[in-house]
Amino acid sequence: MSQWYQMDFPDPSSEPARMLYCYHDTVLVIVMMVLFGVGWFLILVLVAPFMKGLVNRDITNSDKLEVAWTLLPSFFLVAIGSSSLLNLYEMEVGDNVGYNVSVTGHQWYWEYNYILDLDESTKDSDYIYFSLMKDYCM
């Protein structure tokens, strides 16, 4: 159960929700690794004038370094993108769907369209409302 002071996601109740939770944690770890690496290099460059001879500031025409800082971010992006595409594929609408919600974001407002499957017969609006509330609340 989610509380107002809770700093984490609520407990996942479905498989796609669990996959999104894991995706969030994975991306968070990758972002923290990148921030730590960039911060470490920034501190290293800022304190280099005070540490004579410990940092080689004349790294020019280093093919290995250029290949490393080109390929390493591409590996991160491929890993994040492949897991994101897997999540999108798994979240596609399935066969056992009671109703669909289509949400469109306009410039100043949101538009919501609820698409209900009324089987073959037309049901009155009170029945639809209470059946949806029963499914949502239980």
N, C-alpha and C. Protein backbone atom coordinates (compact mmCIF):
# COMPACT_ATOMS: atom_id res chain seq x y z
N MET A 1 0.84 -1.17 0.00
CA MET A 1 0.00 0.00 0.00
C MET A 1 0.89 1.24 0.00
N SER A 2 0.56 2.18 -0.83
CA SER A 2 1.35 3.40 -0.97
C SER A 2 0.91 4.45 0.03
N GLN A 3 1.87 5.09 0.66
CA GLN A 3 1.58 6.14 1.62
C GLN A 3 2.08 7.47 1.07
N TRP A 4 1.60 8.56 1.63
CA TRP A 4 1.99 9.88 1.12
C TRP A 4 3.46 10.17 1.36
N TYR A 5 4.06 9.57 2.37
CA TYR A 5 5.46 9.83 2.68
C TYR A 5 6.40 8.81 2.04
N GLN A 6 5.85 7.92 1.25
CA GLN A 6 6.64 6.87 0.64
C GLN A 6 7.50 7.45 -0.48
N MET A 7 8.79 7.17 -0.46
CA MET A 7 9.72 7.71 -1.45
C MET A 7 9.98 6.73 -2.59
N ASP A 8 9.38 5.58 -2.55
CA ASP A 8 9.62 4.55 -3.54
C ASP A 8 8.34 4.28 -4.32
N PHE A 9 8.44 3.49 -5.37
CA PHE A 9 7.26 3.10 -6.11
C PHE A 9 6.40 2.18 -5.26
N PRO A 10 5.09 2.14 -5.51
CA PRO A 10 4.27 1.14 -4.82
C PRO A 10 4.64 -0.26 -5.28
N ASP A 11 4.25 -1.25 -4.52
CA ASP A 11 4.56 -2.63 -4.88
C ASP A 11 3.92 -2.97 -6.22
N PRO A 12 4.68 -3.55 -7.14
CA PRO A 12 4.10 -3.87 -8.45
C PRO A 12 3.07 -4.99 -8.33
N SER A 13 1.96 -4.83 -9.04
CA SER A 13 0.90 -5.84 -8.99
C SER A 13 0.80 -6.64 -10.27
N SER A 14 1.62 -6.34 -11.26
CA SER A 14 1.59 -7.10 -12.51
C SER A 14 3.02 -7.26 -13.01
N GLU A 15 3.16 -8.12 -13.99
CA GLU A 15 4.48 -8.38 -14.55
C GLU A 15 5.06 -7.16 -15.28
N PRO A 16 4.28 -6.43 -16.09
CA PRO A 16 4.84 -5.22 -16.71
C PRO A 16 5.24 -4.16 -15.68
N ALA A 17 4.49 -4.05 -14.59
CA ALA A 17 4.85 -3.10 -13.54
C ALA A 17 6.17 -3.50 -12.88
N ARG A 18 6.37 -4.79 -12.67
CA ARG A 18 7.63 -5.26 -12.08
C ARG A 18 8.79 -4.99 -13.03
N MET A 19 8.55 -5.20 -14.34
CA MET A 19 9.60 -4.95 -15.32
C MET A 19 9.96 -3.46 -15.38
N LEU A 20 8.95 -2.58 -15.29
CA LEU A 20 9.23 -1.15 -15.27
C LEU A 20 9.97 -0.74 -14.01
N TYR A 21 9.65 -1.37 -12.89
CA TYR A 21 10.34 -1.09 -11.64
C TYR A 21 11.83 -1.47 -11.77
N CYS A 22 12.10 -2.64 -12.35
CA CYS A 22 13.49 -3.07 -12.56
C CYS A 22 14.20 -2.17 -13.56
N TYR A 23 13.47 -1.73 -14.60
CA TYR A 23 14.06 -0.82 -15.59
C TYR A 23 14.44 0.50 -14.93
N HIS A 24 13.58 1.01 -14.08
CA HIS A 24 13.88 2.26 -13.37
C HIS A 24 15.14 2.11 -12.53
N ASP A 25 15.23 1.01 -11.79
CA ASP A 25 16.41 0.79 -10.96
C ASP A 25 17.68 0.65 -11.80
N THR A 26 17.59 -0.04 -12.94
CA THR A 26 18.74 -0.21 -13.81
C THR A 26 19.22 1.12 -14.37
N VAL A 27 18.28 1.93 -14.85
CA VAL A 27 18.64 3.24 -15.40
C VAL A 27 19.22 4.13 -14.30
N LEU A 28 18.67 4.03 -13.10
CA LEU A 28 19.20 4.82 -11.98
C LEU A 28 20.64 4.43 -11.67
N VAL A 29 20.96 3.16 -11.70
CA VAL A 29 22.33 2.71 -11.44
C VAL A 29 23.27 3.21 -12.54
N ILE A 30 22.83 3.14 -13.80
CA ILE A 30 23.67 3.60 -14.90
C ILE A 30 23.91 5.10 -14.80
N VAL A 31 22.86 5.86 -14.48
CA VAL A 31 23.01 7.31 -14.33
C VAL A 31 23.97 7.64 -13.20
N MET A 32 23.89 6.92 -12.09
CA MET A 32 24.79 7.18 -10.97
C MET A 32 26.23 6.83 -11.34
N MET A 33 26.43 5.75 -12.12
CA MET A 33 27.78 5.41 -12.55
C MET A 33 28.36 6.50 -13.46
N VAL A 34 27.54 7.01 -14.37
CA VAL A 34 28.01 8.08 -15.27
C VAL A 34 28.32 9.34 -14.46
N LEU A 35 27.45 9.70 -13.55
CA LEU A 35 27.70 10.89 -12.73
C LEU A 35 28.96 10.74 -11.88
N PHE A 36 29.16 9.56 -11.32
CA PHE A 36 30.36 9.32 -10.52
C PHE A 36 31.61 9.42 -11.39
N GLY A 37 31.57 8.81 -12.58
CA GLY A 37 32.74 8.86 -13.46
C GLY A 37 33.06 10.27 -13.93
N VAL A 38 32.04 11.02 -14.33
CA VAL A 38 32.26 12.40 -14.77
C VAL A 38 32.74 13.27 -13.61
N GLY A 39 32.15 13.08 -12.44
CA GLY A 39 32.59 13.84 -11.26
C GLY A 39 34.02 13.52 -10.88
N TRP A 40 34.39 12.24 -10.99
CA TRP A 40 35.76 11.85 -10.65
C TRP A 40 36.75 12.49 -11.62
N PHE A 41 36.45 12.46 -12.92
CA PHE A 41 37.35 13.10 -13.88
C PHE A 41 37.38 14.62 -13.68
N LEU A 42 36.25 15.22 -13.33
CA LEU A 42 36.23 16.66 -13.09
C LEU A 42 37.10 17.03 -11.90
N ILE A 43 36.99 16.29 -10.82
CA ILE A 43 37.84 16.56 -9.65
C ILE A 43 39.30 16.32 -9.99
N LEU A 44 39.57 15.28 -10.75
CA LEU A 44 40.95 14.97 -11.15
C LEU A 44 41.55 16.12 -11.96
N VAL A 45 40.79 16.69 -12.86
CA VAL A 45 41.30 17.79 -13.68
C VAL A 45 41.43 19.07 -12.85
N LEU A 46 40.51 19.28 -11.90
CA LEU A 46 40.57 20.51 -11.10
C LEU A 46 41.73 20.51 -10.10
N VAL A 47 42.09 19.35 -9.57
CA VAL A 47 43.19 19.30 -8.60
C VAL A 47 44.53 18.95 -9.25
N ALA A 48 44.53 18.73 -10.56
CA ALA A 48 45.76 18.35 -11.26
C ALA A 48 46.87 19.40 -11.14
N PRO A 49 46.58 20.71 -11.18
CA PRO A 49 47.67 21.67 -11.04
C PRO A 49 48.37 21.60 -9.68
N PHE A 50 47.69 21.11 -8.68
CA PHE A 50 48.29 21.03 -7.34
C PHE A 50 49.06 19.73 -7.12
N MET A 51 48.88 18.75 -7.99
CA MET A 51 49.55 17.46 -7.86
C MET A 51 50.52 17.32 -9.03
N LYS A 52 51.68 17.87 -8.90
CA LYS A 52 52.66 17.90 -9.98
C LYS A 52 53.10 16.49 -10.38
N GLY A 53 52.97 16.18 -11.65
CA GLY A 53 53.48 14.93 -12.18
C GLY A 53 52.56 13.73 -12.04
N LEU A 54 51.43 13.85 -11.33
CA LEU A 54 50.57 12.69 -11.15
C LEU A 54 49.54 12.53 -12.27
N VAL A 55 49.22 13.60 -12.95
CA VAL A 55 48.22 13.55 -14.01
C VAL A 55 48.86 14.03 -15.30
N ASN A 56 48.75 13.23 -16.34
CA ASN A 56 49.28 13.61 -17.63
C ASN A 56 48.23 14.46 -18.35
N ARG A 57 48.46 15.76 -18.41
CA ARG A 57 47.50 16.67 -19.02
C ARG A 57 47.71 16.80 -20.52
N ASP A 58 48.72 16.14 -21.04
CA ASP A 58 49.00 16.22 -22.47
C ASP A 58 48.49 14.96 -23.19
N ILE A 59 47.22 14.63 -22.97
CA ILE A 59 46.64 13.47 -23.64
C ILE A 59 46.05 13.97 -24.95
N THR A 60 46.88 14.00 -25.96
CA THR A 60 46.43 14.43 -27.28
C THR A 60 46.69 13.32 -28.26
N ASN A 61 45.83 13.21 -29.23
CA ASN A 61 45.93 12.19 -30.27
C ASN A 61 45.95 10.78 -29.69
N SER A 62 45.20 10.56 -28.63
CA SER A 62 45.13 9.24 -28.03
C SER A 62 43.94 8.49 -28.65
N ASP A 63 44.25 7.61 -29.57
CA ASP A 63 43.19 6.87 -30.27
C ASP A 63 42.42 5.95 -29.31
N LYS A 64 43.13 5.34 -28.38
CA LYS A 64 42.47 4.44 -27.44
C LYS A 64 41.45 5.19 -26.57
N LEU A 65 41.82 6.38 -26.11
CA LEU A 65 40.92 7.16 -25.29
C LEU A 65 39.70 7.63 -26.09
N GLU A 66 39.91 8.03 -27.33
CA GLU A 66 38.80 8.46 -28.17
C GLU A 66 37.84 7.32 -28.48
N VAL A 67 38.38 6.13 -28.72
CA VAL A 67 37.52 4.97 -28.96
C VAL A 67 36.75 4.62 -27.68
N ALA A 68 37.41 4.70 -26.54
CA ALA A 68 36.75 4.36 -25.27
C ALA A 68 35.61 5.31 -24.97
N TRP A 69 35.82 6.62 -25.10
CA TRP A 69 34.72 7.51 -24.74
C TRP A 69 33.70 7.66 -25.85
N THR A 70 33.90 6.99 -26.97
CA THR A 70 32.86 6.89 -27.99
C THR A 70 32.05 5.62 -27.81
N LEU A 71 32.71 4.50 -27.53
CA LEU A 71 32.01 3.22 -27.43
C LEU A 71 31.32 3.01 -26.09
N LEU A 72 31.89 3.48 -25.01
CA LEU A 72 31.30 3.25 -23.70
C LEU A 72 29.90 3.85 -23.58
N PRO A 73 29.66 5.11 -23.96
CA PRO A 73 28.29 5.62 -23.91
C PRO A 73 27.35 4.89 -24.87
N SER A 74 27.86 4.44 -26.01
CA SER A 74 26.99 3.72 -26.94
C SER A 74 26.54 2.38 -26.35
N PHE A 75 27.41 1.71 -25.59
CA PHE A 75 27.00 0.48 -24.92
C PHE A 75 25.92 0.75 -23.89
N PHE A 76 26.07 1.84 -23.12
CA PHE A 76 25.03 2.21 -22.15
C PHE A 76 23.71 2.48 -22.85
N LEU A 77 23.74 3.23 -23.95
CA LEU A 77 22.51 3.55 -24.67
C LEU A 77 21.86 2.32 -25.29
N VAL A 78 22.64 1.40 -25.80
CA VAL A 78 22.08 0.17 -26.36
C VAL A 78 21.45 -0.67 -25.26
N ALA A 79 22.09 -0.76 -24.10
CA ALA A 79 21.53 -1.54 -23.00
C ALA A 79 20.21 -0.93 -22.51
N ILE A 80 20.18 0.39 -22.34
CA ILE A 80 18.96 1.05 -21.89
C ILE A 80 17.87 0.93 -22.96
N GLY A 81 18.23 1.13 -24.23
CA GLY A 81 17.24 1.07 -25.29
C GLY A 81 16.67 -0.31 -25.50
N SER A 82 17.49 -1.34 -25.41
CA SER A 82 16.98 -2.70 -25.62
C SER A 82 16.03 -3.11 -24.50
N SER A 83 16.35 -2.77 -23.26
CA SER A 83 15.44 -3.12 -22.17
C SER A 83 14.17 -2.27 -22.24
N SER A 84 14.26 -1.03 -22.71
CA SER A 84 13.08 -0.20 -22.87
C SER A 84 12.17 -0.75 -23.96
N LEU A 85 12.74 -1.18 -25.08
CA LEU A 85 11.92 -1.78 -26.15
C LEU A 85 11.29 -3.09 -25.70
N LEU A 86 11.99 -3.87 -24.89
CA LEU A 86 11.42 -5.09 -24.35
C LEU A 86 10.22 -4.77 -23.46
N ASN A 87 10.35 -3.74 -22.62
CA ASN A 87 9.22 -3.32 -21.78
C ASN A 87 8.04 -2.86 -22.62
N LEU A 88 8.29 -2.08 -23.66
CA LEU A 88 7.20 -1.62 -24.52
C LEU A 88 6.51 -2.79 -25.21
N TYR A 89 7.28 -3.76 -25.64
CA TYR A 89 6.69 -4.93 -26.29
C TYR A 89 5.83 -5.72 -25.32
N GLU A 90 6.28 -5.88 -24.09
CA GLU A 90 5.54 -6.66 -23.10
C GLU A 90 4.28 -5.94 -22.62
N MET A 91 4.26 -4.61 -22.71
CA MET A 91 3.10 -3.85 -22.24
C MET A 91 2.03 -3.67 -23.31
N GLU A 92 2.23 -4.25 -24.48
CA GLU A 92 1.23 -4.10 -25.53
C GLU A 92 -0.09 -4.72 -25.09
N VAL A 93 -1.18 -4.18 -25.62
CA VAL A 93 -2.51 -4.61 -25.19
C VAL A 93 -2.71 -6.08 -25.51
N GLY A 94 -3.23 -6.82 -24.53
CA GLY A 94 -3.45 -8.25 -24.69
C GLY A 94 -4.89 -8.58 -25.02
N ASP A 95 -5.25 -9.84 -24.87
CA ASP A 95 -6.59 -10.30 -25.22
C ASP A 95 -7.60 -10.09 -24.09
N ASN A 96 -7.17 -10.17 -22.86
CA ASN A 96 -8.10 -10.13 -21.72
C ASN A 96 -8.20 -8.73 -21.14
N VAL A 97 -8.61 -7.78 -21.96
CA VAL A 97 -8.70 -6.41 -21.52
C VAL A 97 -10.17 -6.04 -21.34
N GLY A 98 -10.53 -5.52 -20.16
CA GLY A 98 -11.91 -5.13 -19.90
C GLY A 98 -12.26 -3.80 -20.52
N TYR A 99 -11.34 -2.88 -20.48
CA TYR A 99 -11.56 -1.57 -21.08
C TYR A 99 -10.22 -0.94 -21.38
N ASN A 100 -10.22 0.01 -22.29
CA ASN A 100 -9.00 0.72 -22.68
C ASN A 100 -9.17 2.19 -22.35
N VAL A 101 -8.08 2.84 -22.03
CA VAL A 101 -8.09 4.27 -21.80
C VAL A 101 -7.10 4.89 -22.77
N SER A 102 -7.59 5.81 -23.58
CA SER A 102 -6.73 6.52 -24.51
C SER A 102 -6.53 7.94 -23.98
N VAL A 103 -5.27 8.31 -23.73
CA VAL A 103 -4.95 9.62 -23.18
C VAL A 103 -4.13 10.38 -24.21
N THR A 104 -4.60 11.58 -24.56
CA THR A 104 -3.90 12.42 -25.52
C THR A 104 -3.52 13.72 -24.85
N GLY A 105 -2.25 14.07 -24.91
CA GLY A 105 -1.78 15.32 -24.32
C GLY A 105 -1.78 16.43 -25.34
N HIS A 106 -2.58 17.45 -25.10
CA HIS A 106 -2.59 18.63 -25.95
C HIS A 106 -1.72 19.70 -25.30
N GLN A 107 -1.66 20.86 -25.89
CA GLN A 107 -0.75 21.87 -25.36
C GLN A 107 -1.16 22.34 -23.96
N TRP A 108 -2.45 22.50 -23.72
CA TRP A 108 -2.90 23.07 -22.45
C TRP A 108 -3.79 22.14 -21.64
N TYR A 109 -4.10 20.96 -22.15
CA TYR A 109 -5.01 20.07 -21.42
C TYR A 109 -4.79 18.63 -21.86
N TRP A 110 -5.39 17.72 -21.10
CA TRP A 110 -5.35 16.30 -21.42
C TRP A 110 -6.73 15.86 -21.90
N GLU A 111 -6.76 14.95 -22.85
CA GLU A 111 -8.02 14.40 -23.34
C GLU A 111 -8.05 12.92 -23.01
N TYR A 112 -9.13 12.47 -22.34
CA TYR A 112 -9.26 11.08 -21.93
C TYR A 112 -10.42 10.45 -22.70
N ASN A 113 -10.21 9.29 -23.31
CA ASN A 113 -11.26 8.54 -23.97
C ASN A 113 -11.27 7.14 -23.38
N TYR A 114 -12.41 6.76 -22.83
CA TYR A 114 -12.58 5.44 -22.26
C TYR A 114 -13.31 4.57 -23.28
N ILE A 115 -12.68 3.50 -23.70
CA ILE A 115 -13.26 2.61 -24.70
C ILE A 115 -13.70 1.34 -23.98
N LEU A 116 -15.01 1.15 -23.89
CA LEU A 116 -15.56 0.02 -23.15
C LEU A 116 -16.03 -1.06 -24.11
N ASP A 117 -15.84 -2.31 -23.72
CA ASP A 117 -16.40 -3.43 -24.47
C ASP A 117 -17.71 -3.81 -23.80
N LEU A 118 -18.82 -3.52 -24.47
CA LEU A 118 -20.13 -3.77 -23.89
C LEU A 118 -20.70 -5.11 -24.31
N ASP A 119 -19.85 -6.01 -24.72
CA ASP A 119 -20.25 -7.32 -25.23
C ASP A 119 -21.25 -7.13 -26.37
N GLU A 120 -22.32 -7.91 -26.40
CA GLU A 120 -23.28 -7.74 -27.48
C GLU A 120 -24.45 -6.86 -27.08
N SER A 121 -24.69 -6.71 -25.81
CA SER A 121 -25.87 -5.96 -25.38
C SER A 121 -25.44 -4.62 -24.81
N THR A 122 -26.37 -3.70 -24.81
CA THR A 122 -26.10 -2.39 -24.24
C THR A 122 -26.50 -2.42 -22.77
N LYS A 123 -25.57 -1.99 -21.92
CA LYS A 123 -25.82 -1.97 -20.48
C LYS A 123 -26.01 -0.53 -20.05
N ASP A 124 -26.76 -0.32 -18.99
CA ASP A 124 -26.97 1.06 -18.58
C ASP A 124 -25.74 1.61 -17.87
N SER A 125 -25.67 2.93 -17.76
CA SER A 125 -24.45 3.59 -17.29
C SER A 125 -24.16 3.29 -15.82
N ASP A 126 -25.20 3.08 -14.99
CA ASP A 126 -24.96 2.75 -13.58
C ASP A 126 -24.24 1.41 -13.45
N TYR A 127 -24.64 0.44 -14.25
CA TYR A 127 -24.00 -0.87 -14.20
C TYR A 127 -22.53 -0.77 -14.62
N ILE A 128 -22.26 -0.01 -15.67
CA ILE A 128 -20.88 0.15 -16.13
C ILE A 128 -20.05 0.84 -15.06
N TYR A 129 -20.59 1.92 -14.46
CA TYR A 129 -19.84 2.67 -13.45
C TYR A 129 -19.54 1.79 -12.25
N PHE A 130 -20.55 1.09 -11.72
CA PHE A 130 -20.33 0.29 -10.52
C PHE A 130 -19.46 -0.92 -10.80
N SER A 131 -19.55 -1.50 -11.99
CA SER A 131 -18.68 -2.64 -12.28
C SER A 131 -17.23 -2.19 -12.41
N LEU A 132 -17.00 -1.01 -13.01
CA LEU A 132 -15.63 -0.50 -13.10
C LEU A 132 -15.09 -0.13 -11.72
N MET A 133 -15.92 0.47 -10.89
CA MET A 133 -15.49 0.83 -9.54
C MET A 133 -15.20 -0.42 -8.72
N LYS A 134 -16.00 -1.47 -8.90
CA LYS A 134 -15.78 -2.71 -8.17
C LYS A 134 -14.43 -3.32 -8.58
N ASP A 135 -14.14 -3.31 -9.89
CA ASP A 135 -12.86 -3.84 -10.36
C ASP A 135 -11.69 -3.01 -9.85
N TYR A 136 -11.87 -1.70 -9.81
CA TYR A 136 -10.79 -0.81 -9.39
C TYR A 136 -10.54 -0.87 -7.90
N CYS A 137 -11.60 -0.93 -7.11
CA CYS A 137 -11.47 -0.85 -5.66
C CYS A 137 -11.10 -2.17 -5.00
N MET A 138 -11.29 -3.28 -5.67
CA MET A 138 -11.01 -4.56 -5.03
C MET A 138 -9.72 -5.14 -5.48
